[in-house]
PDB file of N, CA and C in Angstrom:
ATOM      1  N   MET A   1     -31.299   8.947 -11.931  1.00  0.00           N
ATOM      2  CA  MET A   1     -30.788   7.887 -12.790  1.00  0.00           C
ATOM      3  C   MET A   1     -32.009   7.237 -13.462  1.00  0.00           C
ATOM      4  N   ASN A   2     -33.028   7.131 -12.631  1.00  0.00           N
ATOM      5  CA  ASN A   2     -34.430   6.751 -13.521  1.00  0.00           C
ATOM      6  C   ASN A   2     -35.572   7.443 -12.332  1.00  0.00           C
ATOM      7  N   ASP A   3     -36.475   8.481 -12.912  1.00  0.00           N
ATOM      8  CA  ASP A   3     -37.394   9.116 -12.185  1.00  0.00           C
ATOM      9  C   ASP A   3     -38.605   8.160 -12.010  1.00  0.00           C
ATOM     10  N   LEU A   4     -38.460   7.039 -12.736  1.00  0.00           N
ATOM     11  CA  LEU A   4     -39.729   6.076 -12.733  1.00  0.00           C
ATOM     12  C   LEU A   4     -39.862   5.347 -11.462  1.00  0.00           C
ATOM     13  N   LEU A   5     -38.832   5.206 -10.751  1.00  0.00           N
ATOM     14  CA  LEU A   5     -38.411   4.116  -9.859  1.00  0.00           C
ATOM     15  C   LEU A   5     -38.592   4.977  -8.431  1.00  0.00           C
ATOM     16  N   THR A   6     -39.221   4.530  -7.612  1.00  0.00           N
ATOM     17  CA  THR A   6     -39.365   5.077  -6.093  1.00  0.00           C
ATOM     18  C   THR A   6     -38.026   4.347  -5.534  1.00  0.00           C
ATOM     19  N   THR A   7     -37.822   5.358  -4.550  1.00  0.00           N
ATOM     20  CA  THR A   7     -36.366   5.368  -3.673  1.00  0.00           C
ATOM     21  C   THR A   7     -35.977   4.187  -3.334  1.00  0.00           C
ATOM     22  N   ARG A   8     -37.079   3.219  -3.015  1.00  0.00           N
ATOM     23  CA  ARG A   8     -36.994   1.837  -2.062  1.00  0.00           C
ATOM     24  C   ARG A   8     -36.781   0.817  -3.374  1.00  0.00           C
ATOM     25  N   GLU A   9     -37.300   1.187  -4.621  1.00  0.00           N
ATOM     26  CA  GLU A   9     -37.121   0.330  -5.787  1.00  0.00           C
ATOM     27  C   GLU A   9     -35.695   0.739  -6.255  1.00  0.00           C
ATOM     28  N   GLN A  10     -35.239   1.647  -6.475  1.00  0.00           N
ATOM     29  CA  GLN A  10     -34.097   1.958  -6.858  1.00  0.00           C
ATOM     30  C   GLN A  10     -32.744   1.344  -5.804  1.00  0.00           C
ATOM     31  N   THR A  11     -33.099   1.538  -4.583  1.00  0.00           N
ATOM     32  CA  THR A  11     -32.161   0.874  -3.710  1.00  0.00           C
ATOM     33  C   THR A  11     -32.041  -0.309  -3.892  1.00  0.00           C
ATOM     34  N   GLU A  12     -33.202  -1.132  -3.968  1.00  0.00           N
ATOM     35  CA  GLU A  12     -33.019  -2.815  -4.151  1.00  0.00           C
ATOM     36  C   GLU A  12     -32.223  -2.983  -5.467  1.00  0.00           C
ATOM     37  N   LEU A  13     -32.858  -2.207  -6.526  1.00  0.00           N
ATOM     38  CA  LEU A  13     -31.941  -2.396  -7.960  1.00  0.00           C
ATOM     39  C   LEU A  13     -30.449  -1.901  -7.877  1.00  0.00           C
ATOM     40  N   ASN A  14     -30.027  -1.153  -6.964  1.00  0.00           N
ATOM     41  CA  ASN A  14     -28.483  -1.020  -6.744  1.00  0.00           C
ATOM     42  C   ASN A  14     -28.010  -2.124  -5.741  1.00  0.00           C
ATOM     43  N   ARG A  15     -28.802  -2.688  -5.069  1.00  0.00           N
ATOM     44  CA  ARG A  15     -27.987  -3.739  -4.320  1.00  0.00           C
ATOM     45  C   ARG A  15     -27.772  -5.126  -5.315  1.00  0.00           C
ATOM     46  N   GLU A  16     -29.167  -5.217  -5.965  1.00  0.00           N
ATOM     47  CA  GLU A  16     -29.211  -6.281  -7.278  1.00  0.00           C
ATOM     48  C   GLU A  16     -27.632  -6.262  -8.091  1.00  0.00           C
ATOM     49  N   HIS A  17     -27.681  -4.841  -8.308  1.00  0.00           N
ATOM     50  CA  HIS A  17     -26.271  -4.634  -9.436  1.00  0.00           C
ATOM     51  C   HIS A  17     -25.013  -4.809  -8.652  1.00  0.00           C
ATOM     52  N   ASP A  18     -24.949  -4.677  -7.475  1.00  0.00           N
ATOM     53  CA  ASP A  18     -23.883  -4.728  -6.600  1.00  0.00           C
ATOM     54  C   ASP A  18     -23.529  -6.525  -6.138  1.00  0.00           C
ATOM     55  N   VAL A  19     -24.679  -7.001  -6.166  1.00  0.00           N
ATOM     56  CA  VAL A  19     -24.373  -8.377  -5.713  1.00  0.00           C
ATOM     57  C   VAL A  19     -24.082  -8.958  -7.184  1.00  0.00           C
ATOM     58  N   MET A  20     -24.472  -8.576  -8.103  1.00  0.00           N
ATOM     59  CA  MET A  20     -24.115  -9.030  -9.816  1.00  0.00           C
ATOM     60  C   MET A  20     -22.663  -9.006  -9.857  1.00  0.00           C
ATOM     61  N   ALA A  21     -22.242  -7.539  -9.633  1.00  0.00           N
ATOM     62  CA  ALA A  21     -20.861  -7.196  -9.875  1.00  0.00           C
ATOM     63  C   ALA A  21     -19.893  -8.039  -8.917  1.00  0.00           C
ATOM     64  N   ALA A  22     -20.104  -8.186  -7.600  1.00  0.00           N
ATOM     65  CA  ALA A  22     -19.393  -9.113  -6.641  1.00  0.00           C
ATOM     66  C   ALA A  22     -19.250 -10.539  -7.161  1.00  0.00           C
ATOM     67  N   ALA A  23     -20.288 -11.175  -7.766  1.00  0.00           N
ATOM     68  CA  ALA A  23     -20.468 -12.575  -8.222  1.00  0.00           C
ATOM     69  C   ALA A  23     -19.748 -12.679  -9.667  1.00  0.00           C
ATOM     70  N   LEU A  24     -19.925 -11.584 -10.537  1.00  0.00           N
ATOM     71  CA  LEU A  24     -18.891 -11.757 -11.572  1.00  0.00           C
ATOM     72  C   LEU A  24     -17.296 -11.886 -11.016  1.00  0.00           C
ATOM     73  N   SER A  25     -17.227 -11.024 -10.171  1.00  0.00           N
ATOM     74  CA  SER A  25     -15.693 -10.850  -9.733  1.00  0.00           C
ATOM     75  C   SER A  25     -15.174 -12.337  -8.987  1.00  0.00           C
ATOM     76  N   VAL A  26     -16.174 -13.020  -8.484  1.00  0.00           N
ATOM     77  CA  VAL A  26     -15.531 -14.051  -7.995  1.00  0.00           C
ATOM     78  C   VAL A  26     -15.623 -15.144  -9.224  1.00  0.00           C
ATOM     79  N   MET A  27     -16.440 -15.095 -10.228  1.00  0.00           N
ATOM     80  CA  MET A  27     -15.876 -15.995 -11.182  1.00  0.00           C
ATOM     81  C   MET A  27     -14.949 -16.035 -12.027  1.00  0.00           C
ATOM     82  N   LEU A  28     -14.406 -14.431 -12.114  1.00  0.00           N
ATOM     83  CA  LEU A  28     -13.161 -13.808 -12.929  1.00  0.00           C
ATOM     84  C   LEU A  28     -13.230 -12.571 -12.280  1.00  0.00           C
ATOM     85  N   PRO A  29     -11.825 -12.467 -11.753  1.00  0.00           N
ATOM     86  CA  PRO A  29     -11.371 -11.050 -11.117  1.00  0.00           C
ATOM     87  C   PRO A  29     -11.395  -9.839 -12.126  1.00  0.00           C
ATOM     88  N   GLY A  30     -12.018  -9.021 -11.999  1.00  0.00           N
ATOM     89  CA  GLY A  30     -12.187  -7.937 -12.871  1.00  0.00           C
ATOM     90  C   GLY A  30     -13.522  -7.890 -13.436  1.00  0.00           C
ATOM     91  N   ALA A  31     -14.186  -8.800 -13.725  1.00  0.00           N
ATOM     92  CA  ALA A  31     -15.362  -8.938 -14.482  1.00  0.00           C
ATOM     93  C   ALA A  31     -16.361  -7.990 -13.834  1.00  0.00           C
ATOM     94  N   GLY A  32     -16.388  -7.844 -12.403  1.00  0.00           N
ATOM     95  CA  GLY A  32     -17.411  -6.959 -11.629  1.00  0.00           C
ATOM     96  C   GLY A  32     -16.955  -5.655 -12.076  1.00  0.00           C
ATOM     97  N   HIS A  33     -15.517  -5.297 -12.133  1.00  0.00           N
ATOM     98  CA  HIS A  33     -15.506  -4.008 -12.528  1.00  0.00           C
ATOM     99  C   HIS A  33     -15.916  -3.409 -13.808  1.00  0.00           C
ATOM    100  N   PHE A  34     -15.416  -4.462 -14.666  1.00  0.00           N
ATOM    101  CA  PHE A  34     -16.076  -4.191 -16.257  1.00  0.00           C
ATOM    102  C   PHE A  34     -17.728  -4.017 -16.011  1.00  0.00           C
ATOM    103  N   TYR A  35     -18.359  -4.731 -15.240  1.00  0.00           N
ATOM    104  CA  TYR A  35     -20.106  -4.693 -14.867  1.00  0.00           C
ATOM    105  C   TYR A  35     -20.058  -3.400 -14.579  1.00  0.00           C
ATOM    106  N   LYS A  36     -19.493  -2.820 -13.652  1.00  0.00           N
ATOM    107  CA  LYS A  36     -19.687  -1.282 -13.587  1.00  0.00           C
ATOM    108  C   LYS A  36     -19.108  -0.628 -14.245  1.00  0.00           C
ATOM    109  N   ALA A  37     -18.772  -0.478 -15.284  1.00  0.00           N
ATOM    110  CA  ALA A  37     -18.040   0.380 -16.387  1.00  0.00           C
ATOM    111  C   ALA A  37     -16.921   0.968 -15.955  1.00  0.00           C
ATOM    112  N   GLN A  38     -15.972   0.452 -14.847  1.00  0.00           N
ATOM    113  CA  GLN A  38     -14.524   0.770 -14.323  1.00  0.00           C
ATOM    114  C   GLN A  38     -13.400   0.112 -15.214  1.00  0.00           C
ATOM    115  N   TYR A  39     -13.603   0.411 -16.476  1.00  0.00           N
ATOM    116  CA  TYR A  39     -12.683  -0.305 -17.165  1.00  0.00           C
ATOM    117  C   TYR A  39     -11.251  -0.584 -16.759  1.00  0.00           C
ATOM    118  N   GLY A  40     -10.754   0.409 -16.548  1.00  0.00           N
ATOM    119  CA  GLY A  40      -9.268   0.523 -16.251  1.00  0.00           C
ATOM    120  C   GLY A  40      -8.926  -0.232 -15.107  1.00  0.00           C
ATOM    121  N   ALA A  41      -9.722  -0.042 -13.972  1.00  0.00           N
ATOM    122  CA  ALA A  41      -9.641  -1.059 -12.593  1.00  0.00           C
ATOM    123  C   ALA A  41      -9.844  -2.703 -13.241  1.00  0.00           C
ATOM    124  N   GLY A  42     -10.813  -2.889 -13.914  1.00  0.00           N
ATOM    125  CA  GLY A  42     -11.168  -4.293 -14.512  1.00  0.00           C
ATOM    126  C   GLY A  42      -9.952  -5.001 -15.289  1.00  0.00           C
ATOM    127  N   LEU A  43      -9.433  -4.301 -16.063  1.00  0.00           N
ATOM    128  CA  LEU A  43      -7.936  -4.623 -16.899  1.00  0.00           C
ATOM    129  C   LEU A  43      -7.316  -4.560 -15.879  1.00  0.00           C
ATOM    130  N   ALA A  44      -6.681  -3.899 -15.031  1.00  0.00           N
ATOM    131  CA  ALA A  44      -5.629  -3.757 -14.426  1.00  0.00           C
ATOM    132  C   ALA A  44      -5.681  -5.105 -13.428  1.00  0.00           C
ATOM    133  N   ILE A  45      -6.984  -5.262 -12.877  1.00  0.00           N
ATOM    134  CA  ILE A  45      -7.115  -6.592 -12.089  1.00  0.00           C
ATOM    135  C   ILE A  45      -6.801  -7.771 -12.728  1.00  0.00           C
ATOM    136  N   LEU A  46      -7.465  -8.194 -13.997  1.00  0.00           N
ATOM    137  CA  LEU A  46      -7.361  -9.135 -14.776  1.00  0.00           C
ATOM    138  C   LEU A  46      -5.890  -9.328 -15.336  1.00  0.00           C
ATOM    139  N   LEU A  47      -5.208  -8.395 -15.905  1.00  0.00           N
ATOM    140  CA  LEU A  47      -4.090  -8.595 -16.483  1.00  0.00           C
ATOM    141  C   LEU A  47      -2.739  -8.444 -15.681  1.00  0.00           C
ATOM    142  N   ILE A  48      -2.832  -7.712 -14.607  1.00  0.00           N
ATOM    143  CA  ILE A  48      -1.777  -7.341 -13.553  1.00  0.00           C
ATOM    144  C   ILE A  48      -1.857  -8.287 -12.425  1.00  0.00           C
ATOM    145  N   GLY A  49      -3.153  -7.950 -11.416  1.00  0.00           N
ATOM    146  CA  GLY A  49      -3.321  -8.445 -10.193  1.00  0.00           C
ATOM    147  C   GLY A  49      -3.704  -9.910 -10.127  1.00  0.00           C
ATOM    148  N   LEU A  50      -4.313 -10.737 -11.283  1.00  0.00           N
ATOM    149  CA  LEU A  50      -4.544 -12.252 -11.106  1.00  0.00           C
ATOM    150  C   LEU A  50      -3.342 -12.796 -11.389  1.00  0.00           C
ATOM    151  N   PRO A  51      -2.545 -12.399 -12.481  1.00  0.00           N
ATOM    152  CA  PRO A  51      -1.212 -13.156 -12.604  1.00  0.00           C
ATOM    153  C   PRO A  51      -0.180 -13.056 -11.522  1.00  0.00           C
ATOM    154  N   PHE A  52      -0.089 -11.873 -10.942  1.00  0.00           N
ATOM    155  CA  PHE A  52       0.427 -11.598 -10.078  1.00  0.00           C
ATOM    156  C   PHE A  52       0.304 -12.431  -8.323  1.00  0.00           C
ATOM    157  N   SER A  53      -0.825 -12.316  -8.291  1.00  0.00           N
ATOM    158  CA  SER A  53      -1.362 -13.027  -7.086  1.00  0.00           C
ATOM    159  C   SER A  53      -1.197 -14.424  -7.180  1.00  0.00           C
ATOM    160  N   LEU A  54      -1.542 -14.989  -8.125  1.00  0.00           N
ATOM    161  CA  LEU A  54      -1.390 -16.595  -8.631  1.00  0.00           C
ATOM    162  C   LEU A  54       0.242 -16.701  -8.378  1.00  0.00           C
ATOM    163  N   TRP A  55       0.970 -16.142  -9.077  1.00  0.00           N
ATOM    164  CA  TRP A  55       2.299 -16.253  -8.913  1.00  0.00           C
ATOM    165  C   TRP A  55       3.057 -16.162  -7.615  1.00  0.00           C
ATOM    166  N   MET A  56       2.625 -15.277  -6.733  1.00  0.00           N
ATOM    167  CA  MET A  56       3.004 -14.849  -5.417  1.00  0.00           C
ATOM    168  C   MET A  56       2.848 -16.052  -4.567  1.00  0.00           C
ATOM    169  N   GLY A  57       1.163 -16.351  -4.810  1.00  0.00           N
ATOM    170  CA  GLY A  57       0.857 -17.762  -3.836  1.00  0.00           C
ATOM    171  C   GLY A  57       1.357 -18.920  -3.988  1.00  0.00           C
ATOM    172  N   ILE A  58       1.707 -19.099  -5.656  1.00  0.00           N
ATOM    173  CA  ILE A  58       2.727 -20.558  -5.572  1.00  0.00           C
ATOM    174  C   ILE A  58       4.160 -20.419  -4.956  1.00  0.00           C
ATOM    175  N   LEU A  59       4.604 -19.547  -5.215  1.00  0.00           N
ATOM    176  CA  LEU A  59       5.660 -19.192  -4.862  1.00  0.00           C
ATOM    177  C   LEU A  59       5.948 -19.051  -3.300  1.00  0.00           C
ATOM    178  N   LEU A  60       5.263 -18.432  -2.601  1.00  0.00           N
ATOM    179  CA  LEU A  60       4.976 -18.462  -1.072  1.00  0.00           C
ATOM    180  C   LEU A  60       4.722 -19.954  -0.503  1.00  0.00           C
ATOM    181  N   SER A  61       3.883 -20.601  -1.377  1.00  0.00           N
ATOM    182  CA  SER A  61       3.445 -21.856  -1.008  1.00  0.00           C
ATOM    183  C   SER A  61       4.885 -22.957  -0.710  1.00  0.00           C
ATOM    184  N   LEU A  62       5.487 -22.471  -1.659  1.00  0.00           N
ATOM    185  CA  LEU A  62       6.701 -23.581  -1.477  1.00  0.00           C
ATOM    186  C   LEU A  62       7.428 -23.131  -0.226  1.00  0.00           C
ATOM    187  N   ALA A  63       7.695 -21.994   0.309  1.00  0.00           N
ATOM    188  CA  ALA A  63       8.348 -21.932   1.426  1.00  0.00           C
ATOM    189  C   ALA A  63       7.255 -21.621   2.773  1.00  0.00           C
ATOM    190  N   THR A  64       6.038 -21.795   2.755  1.00  0.00           N
ATOM    191  CA  THR A  64       5.090 -21.796   3.998  1.00  0.00           C
ATOM    192  C   THR A  64       4.372 -23.109   4.188  1.00  0.00           C
ATOM    193  N   LEU A  65       4.760 -24.277   3.204  1.00  0.00           N
ATOM    194  CA  LEU A  65       4.181 -25.390   3.452  1.00  0.00           C
ATOM    195  C   LEU A  65       2.468 -25.506   2.943  1.00  0.00           C
ATOM    196  N   GLY A  66       2.288 -24.515   1.931  1.00  0.00           N
ATOM    197  CA  GLY A  66       1.082 -24.397   1.334  1.00  0.00           C
ATOM    198  C   GLY A  66       0.356 -23.236   1.634  1.00  0.00           C
ATOM    199  N   LEU A  67       0.612 -22.809   2.871  1.00  0.00           N
ATOM    200  CA  LEU A  67      -0.223 -21.491   3.524  1.00  0.00           C
ATOM    201  C   LEU A  67      -0.241 -20.367   2.464  1.00  0.00           C
ATOM    202  N   GLY A  68       0.830 -20.437   1.570  1.00  0.00           N
ATOM    203  CA  GLY A  68       1.002 -19.277   0.558  1.00  0.00           C
ATOM    204  C   GLY A  68      -0.072 -19.175  -0.322  1.00  0.00           C
ATOM    205  N   LEU A  69      -0.942 -20.462  -0.600  1.00  0.00           N
ATOM    206  CA  LEU A  69      -1.919 -20.509  -1.454  1.00  0.00           C
ATOM    207  C   LEU A  69      -3.244 -19.940  -1.082  1.00  0.00           C
ATOM    208  N   LEU A  70      -3.349 -19.328   0.431  1.00  0.00           N
ATOM    209  CA  LEU A  70      -4.346 -18.519   0.845  1.00  0.00           C
ATOM    210  C   LEU A  70      -4.114 -16.980  -0.080  1.00  0.00           C
ATOM    211  N   LEU A  71      -3.085 -16.775  -0.429  1.00  0.00           N
ATOM    212  CA  LEU A  71      -3.183 -15.282  -0.963  1.00  0.00           C
ATOM    213  C   LEU A  71      -3.807 -15.045  -2.003  1.00  0.00           C
ATOM    214  N   PRO A  72      -3.925 -16.125  -3.015  1.00  0.00           N
ATOM    215  CA  PRO A  72      -4.706 -15.752  -4.074  1.00  0.00           C
ATOM    216  C   PRO A  72      -6.331 -15.888  -3.528  1.00  0.00           C
ATOM    217  N   VAL A  73      -6.781 -16.329  -2.557  1.00  0.00           N
ATOM    218  CA  VAL A  73      -7.868 -16.654  -2.100  1.00  0.00           C
ATOM    219  C   VAL A  73      -8.453 -15.468  -1.695  1.00  0.00           C
ATOM    220  N   ALA A  74      -7.562 -14.673  -0.725  1.00  0.00           N
ATOM    221  CA  ALA A  74      -7.451 -13.393  -0.460  1.00  0.00           C
ATOM    222  C   ALA A  74      -7.938 -12.091  -1.437  1.00  0.00           C
ATOM    223  N   PHE A  75      -6.938 -12.405  -2.174  1.00  0.00           N
ATOM    224  CA  PHE A  75      -7.178 -11.436  -3.690  1.00  0.00           C
ATOM    225  C   PHE A  75      -8.364 -11.521  -4.014  1.00  0.00           C
ATOM    226  N   TRP A  76      -8.988 -12.654  -4.318  1.00  0.00           N
ATOM    227  CA  TRP A  76     -10.415 -12.918  -4.794  1.00  0.00           C
ATOM    228  C   TRP A  76     -11.281 -12.448  -4.140  1.00  0.00           C
ATOM    229  N   ALA A  77     -11.171 -12.528  -2.944  1.00  0.00           N
ATOM    230  CA  ALA A  77     -12.270 -11.850  -1.950  1.00  0.00           C
ATOM    231  C   ALA A  77     -12.046 -10.499  -1.863  1.00  0.00           C
ATOM    232  N   MET A  78     -10.873  -9.815  -1.779  1.00  0.00           N
ATOM    233  CA  MET A  78     -10.864  -8.535  -1.844  1.00  0.00           C
ATOM    234  C   MET A  78     -11.280  -7.726  -3.368  1.00  0.00           C
ATOM    235  N   VAL A  79     -11.110  -8.321  -4.329  1.00  0.00           N
ATOM    236  CA  VAL A  79     -11.870  -7.859  -5.798  1.00  0.00           C
ATOM    237  C   VAL A  79     -13.067  -7.926  -5.541  1.00  0.00           C
ATOM    238  N   ALA A  80     -13.727  -9.227  -5.338  1.00  0.00           N
ATOM    239  CA  ALA A  80     -15.280  -9.374  -5.109  1.00  0.00           C
ATOM    240  C   ALA A  80     -15.862  -8.085  -4.103  1.00  0.00           C
ATOM    241  N   THR A  81     -15.169  -7.741  -3.027  1.00  0.00           N
ATOM    242  CA  THR A  81     -15.454  -6.788  -2.279  1.00  0.00           C
ATOM    243  C   THR A  81     -15.222  -5.426  -2.795  1.00  0.00           C
ATOM    244  N   SER A  82     -14.563  -5.250  -3.507  1.00  0.00           N
ATOM    245  CA  SER A  82     -14.105  -4.137  -4.208  1.00  0.00           C
ATOM    246  C   SER A  82     -15.362  -3.633  -5.119  1.00  0.00           C
ATOM    247  N   ALA A  83     -15.827  -4.832  -6.416  1.00  0.00           N
ATOM    248  CA  ALA A  83     -16.677  -4.841  -7.125  1.00  0.00           C
ATOM    249  C   ALA A  83     -17.951  -4.256  -6.464  1.00  0.00           C
ATOM    250  N   TYR A  84     -18.195  -4.924  -5.281  1.00  0.00           N
ATOM    251  CA  TYR A  84     -19.579  -4.713  -4.704  1.00  0.00           C
ATOM    252  C   TYR A  84     -19.743  -3.118  -4.305  1.00  0.00           C
ATOM    253  N   PHE A  85     -18.575  -2.549  -3.826  1.00  0.00           N
ATOM    254  CA  PHE A  85     -18.487  -1.227  -3.177  1.00  0.00           C
ATOM    255  C   PHE A  85     -18.208  -0.181  -4.271  1.00  0.00           C
ATOM    256  N   ALA A  86     -17.882  -0.348  -5.257  1.00  0.00           N
ATOM    257  CA  ALA A  86     -17.521   0.327  -6.354  1.00  0.00           C
ATOM    258  C   ALA A  86     -18.645   1.113  -7.130  1.00  0.00           C
ATOM    259  N   GLU A  87     -18.307   2.407  -7.583  1.00  0.00           N
ATOM    260  CA  GLU A  87     -19.581   3.302  -8.111  1.00  0.00           C
ATOM    261  C   GLU A  87     -19.914   2.616  -9.638  1.00  0.00           C
ATOM    262  N   ASP A  88     -21.021   2.611  -9.919  1.00  0.00           N
ATOM    263  CA  ASP A  88     -21.554   2.137 -11.139  1.00  0.00           C
ATOM    264  C   ASP A  88     -21.728   3.131 -11.865  1.00  0.00           C
ATOM    265  N   ARG A  89     -20.942   3.108 -12.879  1.00  0.00           N
ATOM    266  CA  ARG A  89     -20.896   4.358 -13.909  1.00  0.00           C
ATOM    267  C   ARG A  89     -21.642   3.945 -15.237  1.00  0.00           C
ATOM    268  N   ARG A  90     -22.408   2.778 -15.050  1.00  0.00           N
ATOM    269  CA  ARG A  90     -23.244   2.207 -16.463  1.00  0.00           C
ATOM    270  C   ARG A  90     -24.131   3.378 -16.576  1.00  0.00           C
ATOM    271  N   LYS A  91     -24.705   3.312 -17.888  1.00  0.00           N
ATOM    272  CA  LYS A  91     -25.824   4.267 -18.332  1.00  0.00           C
ATOM    273  C   LYS A  91     -26.878   3.048 -18.213  1.00  0.00           C
ATOM    274  N   HIS A  92     -27.777   3.637 -17.382  1.00  0.00           N
ATOM    275  CA  HIS A  92     -28.970   2.672 -16.966  1.00  0.00           C
ATOM    276  C   HIS A  92     -30.245   3.171 -18.144  1.00  0.00           C
ATOM    277  N   HIS A  93     -30.881   1.985 -18.575  1.00  0.00           N
ATOM    278  CA  HIS A  93     -31.929   2.262 -19.261  1.00  0.00           C
ATOM    279  C   HIS A  93     -33.543   2.189 -18.380  1.00  0.00           C
ATOM    280  N   ILE A  94     -34.448   2.673 -19.088  1.00  0.00           N
ATOM    281  CA  ILE A  94     -35.573   2.940 -18.697  1.00  0.00           C
ATOM    282  C   ILE A  94     -36.376   1.414 -18.139  1.00  0.00           C
ATOM    283  N   ALA A  95     -36.171   0.523 -19.106  1.00  0.00           N
ATOM    284  CA  ALA A  95     -36.688  -0.809 -18.657  1.00  0.00           C
ATOM    285  C   ALA A  95     -35.867  -1.530 -17.682  1.00  0.00           C
ATOM    286  N   ASN A  96     -34.618  -0.982 -17.358  1.00  0.00           N
ATOM    287  CA  ASN A  96     -33.497  -1.845 -16.367  1.00  0.00           C
ATOM    288  C   ASN A  96     -33.117  -2.952 -17.102  1.00  0.00           C
ATOM    289  N   VAL A  97     -32.967  -2.967 -18.275  1.00  0.00           N
ATOM    290  CA  VAL A  97     -32.700  -4.480 -19.100  1.00  0.00           C
ATOM    291  C   VAL A  97     -30.957  -4.630 -18.718  1.00  0.00           C
ATOM    292  N   LEU A  98     -30.292  -3.468 -18.543  1.00  0.00           N
ATOM    293  CA  LEU A  98     -28.916  -3.802 -18.163  1.00  0.00           C
ATOM    294  C   LEU A  98     -28.519  -3.461 -16.897  1.00  0.00           C
TER     295      LEU A  98
END
């Protein structure tokens, strides 16, 4: 990736990118996948997964006295975890600006 960084520095940088991807996914599901250049997964999560989980959560909440609203929360947590562990496909710059 970058020959100028030591292995320890590269590991810390990768961890920072993983944390940023997870934080972006908490704010908007799919954004962390876009950050790591996994555009197909990010688009599918944003356009299909998010509306479906919200719809199912609302529908199930009517039958389970509100417990169904935990479904979108679980979906958000799974998307953030997936973004954290996803492969980073971005092109890295020497200055590590992005």
